[in-house]
Amino acid sequence: MSKCMNIAIALNNKVIVPAYVMIRSLVMNNMANPIRLYVLHSELTTESCKLLQDAACYKVNNLCSNEPPVR
């Protein structure tokens, strides 16, 4: 298995759509590499968190197995 790629992003609800696109693209274009994604925020809505989780879980096996999905 490849080393896990660590990615951290800081955002708020104003940039949720571009963040979704970035995460989905990252996952789709790195299928062979596990990804550990950290989302730094203080004001995301539950709906926004679910949207980011959907983007990250495009291929659940691409997430590092010892880390929970984005919440």
PDB file of N, CA and C in Angstrom:
ATOM      1  N   MET A   1       0.846  -1.185   0.000  1.00  0.00           N
ATOM      2  CA  MET A   1       0.000   0.000   0.000  1.00  0.00           C
ATOM      3  C   MET A   1       0.886   1.241   0.000  1.00  0.00           C
ATOM      4  N   SER A   2       0.487   2.256  -0.717  1.00  0.00           N
ATOM      5  CA  SER A   2       1.197   3.531  -0.756  1.00  0.00           C
ATOM      6  C   SER A   2       1.055   4.255   0.571  1.00  0.00           C
ATOM      7  N   LYS A   3       1.971   5.182   0.804  1.00  0.00           N
ATOM      8  CA  LYS A   3       1.833   6.020   1.987  1.00  0.00           C
ATOM      9  C   LYS A   3       0.577   6.870   1.849  1.00  0.00           C
ATOM     10  N   CYS A   4      -0.026   7.153   2.964  1.00  0.00           N
ATOM     11  CA  CYS A   4      -1.239   7.949   2.972  1.00  0.00           C
ATOM     12  C   CYS A   4      -0.905   9.420   2.707  1.00  0.00           C
ATOM     13  N   MET A   5      -1.697  10.046   1.842  1.00  0.00           N
ATOM     14  CA  MET A   5      -1.536  11.468   1.551  1.00  0.00           C
ATOM     15  C   MET A   5      -2.374  12.255   2.555  1.00  0.00           C
ATOM     16  N   ASN A   6      -1.722  13.139   3.314  1.00  0.00           N
ATOM     17  CA  ASN A   6      -2.422  13.980   4.283  1.00  0.00           C
ATOM     18  C   ASN A   6      -2.780  15.312   3.648  1.00  0.00           C
ATOM     19  N   ILE A   7      -4.061  15.662   3.688  1.00  0.00           N
ATOM     20  CA  ILE A   7      -4.555  16.909   3.108  1.00  0.00           C
ATOM     21  C   ILE A   7      -5.366  17.635   4.180  1.00  0.00           C
ATOM     22  N   ALA A   8      -5.067  18.904   4.391  1.00  0.00           N
ATOM     23  CA  ALA A   8      -5.843  19.726   5.323  1.00  0.00           C
ATOM     24  C   ALA A   8      -6.406  20.927   4.572  1.00  0.00           C
ATOM     25  N   ILE A   9      -7.681  21.212   4.808  1.00  0.00           N
ATOM     26  CA  ILE A   9      -8.294  22.397   4.208  1.00  0.00           C
ATOM     27  C   ILE A   9      -9.033  23.166   5.304  1.00  0.00           C
ATOM     28  N   ALA A  10      -9.010  24.473   5.191  1.00  0.00           N
ATOM     29  CA  ALA A  10      -9.753  25.341   6.103  1.00  0.00           C
ATOM     30  C   ALA A  10     -10.800  26.071   5.277  1.00  0.00           C
ATOM     31  N   LEU A  11     -12.042  26.076   5.750  1.00  0.00           N
ATOM     32  CA  LEU A  11     -13.097  26.663   4.945  1.00  0.00           C
ATOM     33  C   LEU A  11     -14.287  27.072   5.797  1.00  0.00           C
ATOM     34  N   ASN A  12     -15.217  27.761   5.131  1.00  0.00           N
ATOM     35  CA  ASN A  12     -16.504  28.085   5.729  1.00  0.00           C
ATOM     36  C   ASN A  12     -17.577  27.805   4.684  1.00  0.00           C
ATOM     37  N   ASN A  13     -18.823  28.105   5.001  1.00  0.00           N
ATOM     38  CA  ASN A  13     -19.921  27.789   4.083  1.00  0.00           C
ATOM     39  C   ASN A  13     -19.869  28.570   2.773  1.00  0.00           C
ATOM     40  N   LYS A  14     -19.140  29.663   2.739  1.00  0.00           N
ATOM     41  CA  LYS A  14     -19.071  30.466   1.512  1.00  0.00           C
ATOM     42  C   LYS A  14     -18.311  29.760   0.393  1.00  0.00           C
ATOM     43  N   VAL A  15     -17.449  28.821   0.732  1.00  0.00           N
ATOM     44  CA  VAL A  15     -16.637  28.140  -0.290  1.00  0.00           C
ATOM     45  C   VAL A  15     -16.912  26.637  -0.333  1.00  0.00           C
ATOM     46  N   ILE A  16     -18.095  26.230   0.077  1.00  0.00           N
ATOM     47  CA  ILE A  16     -18.399  24.813   0.163  1.00  0.00           C
ATOM     48  C   ILE A  16     -18.441  24.141  -1.215  1.00  0.00           C
ATOM     49  N   VAL A  17     -18.964  24.806  -2.219  1.00  0.00           N
ATOM     50  CA  VAL A  17     -19.034  24.191  -3.558  1.00  0.00           C
ATOM     51  C   VAL A  17     -17.634  24.027  -4.155  1.00  0.00           C
ATOM     52  N   PRO A  18     -16.774  25.053  -4.149  1.00  0.00           N
ATOM     53  CA  PRO A  18     -15.411  24.828  -4.639  1.00  0.00           C
ATOM     54  C   PRO A  18     -14.662  23.760  -3.823  1.00  0.00           C
ATOM     55  N   ALA A  19     -14.907  23.681  -2.518  1.00  0.00           N
ATOM     56  CA  ALA A  19     -14.265  22.661  -1.695  1.00  0.00           C
ATOM     57  C   ALA A  19     -14.745  21.267  -2.099  1.00  0.00           C
ATOM     58  N   TYR A  20     -16.040  21.140  -2.373  1.00  0.00           N
ATOM     59  CA  TYR A  20     -16.600  19.869  -2.845  1.00  0.00           C
ATOM     60  C   TYR A  20     -15.902  19.436  -4.131  1.00  0.00           C
ATOM     61  N   VAL A  21     -15.788  20.343  -5.076  1.00  0.00           N
ATOM     62  CA  VAL A  21     -15.150  20.036  -6.363  1.00  0.00           C
ATOM     63  C   VAL A  21     -13.689  19.630  -6.149  1.00  0.00           C
ATOM     64  N   MET A  22     -12.974  20.350  -5.301  1.00  0.00           N
ATOM     65  CA  MET A  22     -11.573  20.045  -5.032  1.00  0.00           C
ATOM     66  C   MET A  22     -11.418  18.660  -4.412  1.00  0.00           C
ATOM     67  N   ILE A  23     -12.255  18.342  -3.424  1.00  0.00           N
ATOM     68  CA  ILE A  23     -12.164  17.045  -2.760  1.00  0.00           C
ATOM     69  C   ILE A  23     -12.516  15.920  -3.713  1.00  0.00           C
ATOM     70  N   ARG A  24     -13.596  16.077  -4.454  1.00  0.00           N
ATOM     71  CA  ARG A  24     -14.013  15.036  -5.413  1.00  0.00           C
ATOM     72  C   ARG A  24     -12.922  14.811  -6.451  1.00  0.00           C
ATOM     73  N   SER A  25     -12.344  15.884  -6.969  1.00  0.00           N
ATOM     74  CA  SER A  25     -11.275  15.772  -7.955  1.00  0.00           C
ATOM     75  C   SER A  25     -10.053  15.076  -7.358  1.00  0.00           C
ATOM     76  N   LEU A  26      -9.704  15.447  -6.140  1.00  0.00           N
ATOM     77  CA  LEU A  26      -8.561  14.834  -5.464  1.00  0.00           C
ATOM     78  C   LEU A  26      -8.760  13.324  -5.327  1.00  0.00           C
ATOM     79  N   VAL A  27      -9.942  12.914  -4.890  1.00  0.00           N
ATOM     80  CA  VAL A  27     -10.235  11.496  -4.698  1.00  0.00           C
ATOM     81  C   VAL A  27     -10.261  10.768  -6.046  1.00  0.00           C
ATOM     82  N   MET A  28     -10.927  11.336  -7.039  1.00  0.00           N
ATOM     83  CA  MET A  28     -11.053  10.676  -8.340  1.00  0.00           C
ATOM     84  C   MET A  28      -9.704  10.537  -9.053  1.00  0.00           C
ATOM     85  N   ASN A  29      -8.807  11.484  -8.845  1.00  0.00           N
ATOM     86  CA  ASN A  29      -7.524  11.466  -9.551  1.00  0.00           C
ATOM     87  C   ASN A  29      -6.401  10.833  -8.742  1.00  0.00           C
ATOM     88  N   ASN A  30      -6.731  10.276  -7.593  1.00  0.00           N
ATOM     89  CA  ASN A  30      -5.740   9.590  -6.757  1.00  0.00           C
ATOM     90  C   ASN A  30      -6.299   8.278  -6.237  1.00  0.00           C
ATOM     91  N   MET A  31      -6.915   7.514  -7.107  1.00  0.00           N
ATOM     92  CA  MET A  31      -7.551   6.264  -6.702  1.00  0.00           C
ATOM     93  C   MET A  31      -6.563   5.256  -6.122  1.00  0.00           C
ATOM     94  N   ALA A  32      -5.315   5.297  -6.545  1.00  0.00           N
ATOM     95  CA  ALA A  32      -4.332   4.321  -6.088  1.00  0.00           C
ATOM     96  C   ALA A  32      -3.707   4.703  -4.749  1.00  0.00           C
ATOM     97  N   ASN A  33      -3.916   5.933  -4.316  1.00  0.00           N
ATOM     98  CA  ASN A  33      -3.285   6.414  -3.096  1.00  0.00           C
ATOM     99  C   ASN A  33      -4.319   6.692  -2.011  1.00  0.00           C
ATOM    100  N   PRO A  34      -4.110   6.157  -0.813  1.00  0.00           N
ATOM    101  CA  PRO A  34      -5.031   6.482   0.280  1.00  0.00           C
ATOM    102  C   PRO A  34      -4.887   7.951   0.675  1.00  0.00           C
ATOM    103  N   ILE A  35      -5.979   8.544   1.104  1.00  0.00           N
ATOM    104  CA  ILE A  35      -6.011   9.966   1.458  1.00  0.00           C
ATOM    105  C   ILE A  35      -6.563  10.125   2.868  1.00  0.00           C
ATOM    106  N   ARG A  36      -5.910  10.943   3.661  1.00  0.00           N
ATOM    107  CA  ARG A  36      -6.414  11.322   4.988  1.00  0.00           C
ATOM    108  C   ARG A  36      -6.747  12.809   4.894  1.00  0.00           C
ATOM    109  N   LEU A  37      -8.005  13.148   4.996  1.00  0.00           N
ATOM    110  CA  LEU A  37      -8.475  14.514   4.797  1.00  0.00           C
ATOM    111  C   LEU A  37      -8.889  15.132   6.128  1.00  0.00           C
ATOM    112  N   TYR A  38      -8.327  16.299   6.426  1.00  0.00           N
ATOM    113  CA  TYR A  38      -8.671  17.050   7.633  1.00  0.00           C
ATOM    114  C   TYR A  38      -9.396  18.326   7.202  1.00  0.00           C
ATOM    115  N   VAL A  39     -10.572  18.555   7.747  1.00  0.00           N
ATOM    116  CA  VAL A  39     -11.350  19.754   7.428  1.00  0.00           C
ATOM    117  C   VAL A  39     -11.385  20.636   8.681  1.00  0.00           C
ATOM    118  N   LEU A  40     -10.799  21.817   8.562  1.00  0.00           N
ATOM    119  CA  LEU A  40     -10.751  22.771   9.663  1.00  0.00           C
ATOM    120  C   LEU A  40     -11.866  23.788   9.450  1.00  0.00           C
ATOM    121  N   HIS A  41     -12.761  23.900  10.420  1.00  0.00           N
ATOM    122  CA  HIS A  41     -13.886  24.817  10.271  1.00  0.00           C
ATOM    123  C   HIS A  41     -14.439  25.181  11.641  1.00  0.00           C
ATOM    124  N   SER A  42     -15.251  26.202  11.655  1.00  0.00           N
ATOM    125  CA  SER A  42     -15.933  26.569  12.895  1.00  0.00           C
ATOM    126  C   SER A  42     -17.407  26.850  12.661  1.00  0.00           C
ATOM    127  N   GLU A  43     -17.842  26.838  11.422  1.00  0.00           N
ATOM    128  CA  GLU A  43     -19.230  27.229  11.164  1.00  0.00           C
ATOM    129  C   GLU A  43     -19.914  26.459  10.038  1.00  0.00           C
ATOM    130  N   LEU A  44     -19.480  25.267   9.724  1.00  0.00           N
ATOM    131  CA  LEU A  44     -20.145  24.506   8.672  1.00  0.00           C
ATOM    132  C   LEU A  44     -21.476  23.961   9.177  1.00  0.00           C
ATOM    133  N   THR A  45     -22.463  23.985   8.300  1.00  0.00           N
ATOM    134  CA  THR A  45     -23.754  23.401   8.635  1.00  0.00           C
ATOM    135  C   THR A  45     -23.665  21.880   8.510  1.00  0.00           C
ATOM    136  N   THR A  46     -24.633  21.194   9.076  1.00  0.00           N
ATOM    137  CA  THR A  46     -24.687  19.739   8.948  1.00  0.00           C
ATOM    138  C   THR A  46     -24.789  19.356   7.483  1.00  0.00           C
ATOM    139  N   GLU A  47     -25.566  20.098   6.727  1.00  0.00           N
ATOM    140  CA  GLU A  47     -25.722  19.831   5.295  1.00  0.00           C
ATOM    141  C   GLU A  47     -24.385  19.967   4.558  1.00  0.00           C
ATOM    142  N   SER A  48     -23.616  20.994   4.890  1.00  0.00           N
ATOM    143  CA  SER A  48     -22.309  21.198   4.261  1.00  0.00           C
ATOM    144  C   SER A  48     -21.348  20.069   4.609  1.00  0.00           C
ATOM    145  N   CYS A  49     -21.369  19.629   5.849  1.00  0.00           N
ATOM    146  CA  CYS A  49     -20.506  18.518   6.269  1.00  0.00           C
ATOM    147  C   CYS A  49     -20.854  17.244   5.499  1.00  0.00           C
ATOM    148  N   LYS A  50     -22.138  16.990   5.325  1.00  0.00           N
ATOM    149  CA  LYS A  50     -22.571  15.812   4.572  1.00  0.00           C
ATOM    150  C   LYS A  50     -22.141  15.908   3.114  1.00  0.00           C
ATOM    151  N   LEU A  51     -22.207  17.107   2.539  1.00  0.00           N
ATOM    152  CA  LEU A  51     -21.779  17.304   1.161  1.00  0.00           C
ATOM    153  C   LEU A  51     -20.291  16.983   1.016  1.00  0.00           C
ATOM    154  N   LEU A  52     -19.476  17.452   1.935  1.00  0.00           N
ATOM    155  CA  LEU A  52     -18.042  17.162   1.888  1.00  0.00           C
ATOM    156  C   LEU A  52     -17.769  15.679   2.095  1.00  0.00           C
ATOM    157  N   GLN A  53     -18.537  15.053   2.966  1.00  0.00           N
ATOM    158  CA  GLN A  53     -18.372  13.619   3.188  1.00  0.00           C
ATOM    159  C   GLN A  53     -18.705  12.847   1.915  1.00  0.00           C
ATOM    160  N   ASP A  54     -19.757  13.251   1.214  1.00  0.00           N
ATOM    161  CA  ASP A  54     -20.109  12.610  -0.050  1.00  0.00           C
ATOM    162  C   ASP A  54     -18.981  12.740  -1.059  1.00  0.00           C
ATOM    163  N   ALA A  55     -18.351  13.906  -1.118  1.00  0.00           N
ATOM    164  CA  ALA A  55     -17.236  14.121  -2.053  1.00  0.00           C
ATOM    165  C   ALA A  55     -16.062  13.227  -1.693  1.00  0.00           C
ATOM    166  N   ALA A  56     -15.763  13.119  -0.407  1.00  0.00           N
ATOM    167  CA  ALA A  56     -14.616  12.333   0.043  1.00  0.00           C
ATOM    168  C   ALA A  56     -14.860  10.836  -0.087  1.00  0.00           C
ATOM    169  N   CYS A  57     -16.101  10.426   0.011  1.00  0.00           N
ATOM    170  CA  CYS A  57     -16.417   8.999  -0.012  1.00  0.00           C
ATOM    171  C   CYS A  57     -16.771   8.494  -1.400  1.00  0.00           C
ATOM    172  N   TYR A  58     -16.329   9.207  -2.423  1.00  0.00           N
ATOM    173  CA  TYR A  58     -16.540   8.743  -3.801  1.00  0.00           C
ATOM    174  C   TYR A  58     -16.065   7.306  -3.932  1.00  0.00           C
ATOM    175  N   LYS A  59     -14.929   7.019  -3.347  1.00  0.00           N
ATOM    176  CA  LYS A  59     -14.422   5.656  -3.275  1.00  0.00           C
ATOM    177  C   LYS A  59     -13.966   5.458  -1.839  1.00  0.00           C
ATOM    178  N   VAL A  60     -14.813   4.885  -1.004  1.00  0.00           N
ATOM    179  CA  VAL A  60     -14.547   4.778   0.427  1.00  0.00           C
ATOM    180  C   VAL A  60     -13.213   4.097   0.703  1.00  0.00           C
ATOM    181  N   ASN A  61     -12.841   3.106  -0.082  1.00  0.00           N
ATOM    182  CA  ASN A  61     -11.581   2.408   0.157  1.00  0.00           C
ATOM    183  C   ASN A  61     -10.373   3.303  -0.076  1.00  0.00           C
ATOM    184  N   ASN A  62     -10.560   4.454  -0.655  1.00  0.00           N
ATOM    185  CA  ASN A  62      -9.460   5.378  -0.883  1.00  0.00           C
ATOM    186  C   ASN A  62      -9.129   6.176   0.375  1.00  0.00           C
ATOM    187  N   LEU A  63     -10.015   6.159   1.359  1.00  0.00           N
ATOM    188  CA  LEU A  63      -9.734   6.820   2.623  1.00  0.00           C
ATOM    189  C   LEU A  63      -8.838   5.921   3.456  1.00  0.00           C
ATOM    190  N   CYS A  64      -7.979   6.499   4.269  1.00  0.00           N
ATOM    191  CA  CYS A  64      -7.111   5.705   5.142  1.00  0.00           C
ATOM    192  C   CYS A  64      -7.987   4.908   6.108  1.00  0.00           C
ATOM    193  N   SER A  65      -7.706   3.648   6.239  1.00  0.00           N
ATOM    194  CA  SER A  65      -8.559   2.767   7.013  1.00  0.00           C
ATOM    195  C   SER A  65      -8.606   3.093   8.502  1.00  0.00           C
ATOM    196  N   ASN A  66      -7.575   3.737   9.034  1.00  0.00           N
ATOM    197  CA  ASN A  66      -7.565   4.017  10.462  1.00  0.00           C
ATOM    198  C   ASN A  66      -8.158   5.376  10.807  1.00  0.00           C
ATOM    199  N   GLU A  67      -8.743   6.046   9.853  1.00  0.00           N
ATOM    200  CA  GLU A  67      -9.352   7.352  10.079  1.00  0.00           C
ATOM    201  C   GLU A  67     -10.809   7.315   9.694  1.00  0.00           C
ATOM    202  N   PRO A  68     -11.673   7.974  10.472  1.00  0.00           N
ATOM    203  CA  PRO A  68     -13.092   8.056  10.093  1.00  0.00           C
ATOM    204  C   PRO A  68     -13.267   8.990   8.906  1.00  0.00           C
ATOM    205  N   PRO A  69     -14.368   8.863   8.184  1.00  0.00           N
ATOM    206  CA  PRO A  69     -14.647   9.788   7.078  1.00  0.00           C
ATOM    207  C   PRO A  69     -14.805  11.220   7.582  1.00  0.00           C
ATOM    208  N   VAL A  70     -14.794  12.144   6.679  1.00  0.00           N
ATOM    209  CA  VAL A  70     -14.990  13.557   7.012  1.00  0.00           C
ATOM    210  C   VAL A  70     -16.321  13.717   7.712  1.00  0.00           C
ATOM    211  N   ARG A  71     -16.374  14.518   8.758  1.00  0.00           N
ATOM    212  CA  ARG A  71     -17.624  14.759   9.480  1.00  0.00           C
ATOM    213  C   ARG A  71     -17.908  16.221   9.533  1.00  0.00           C
TER     214      ARG A  71
END
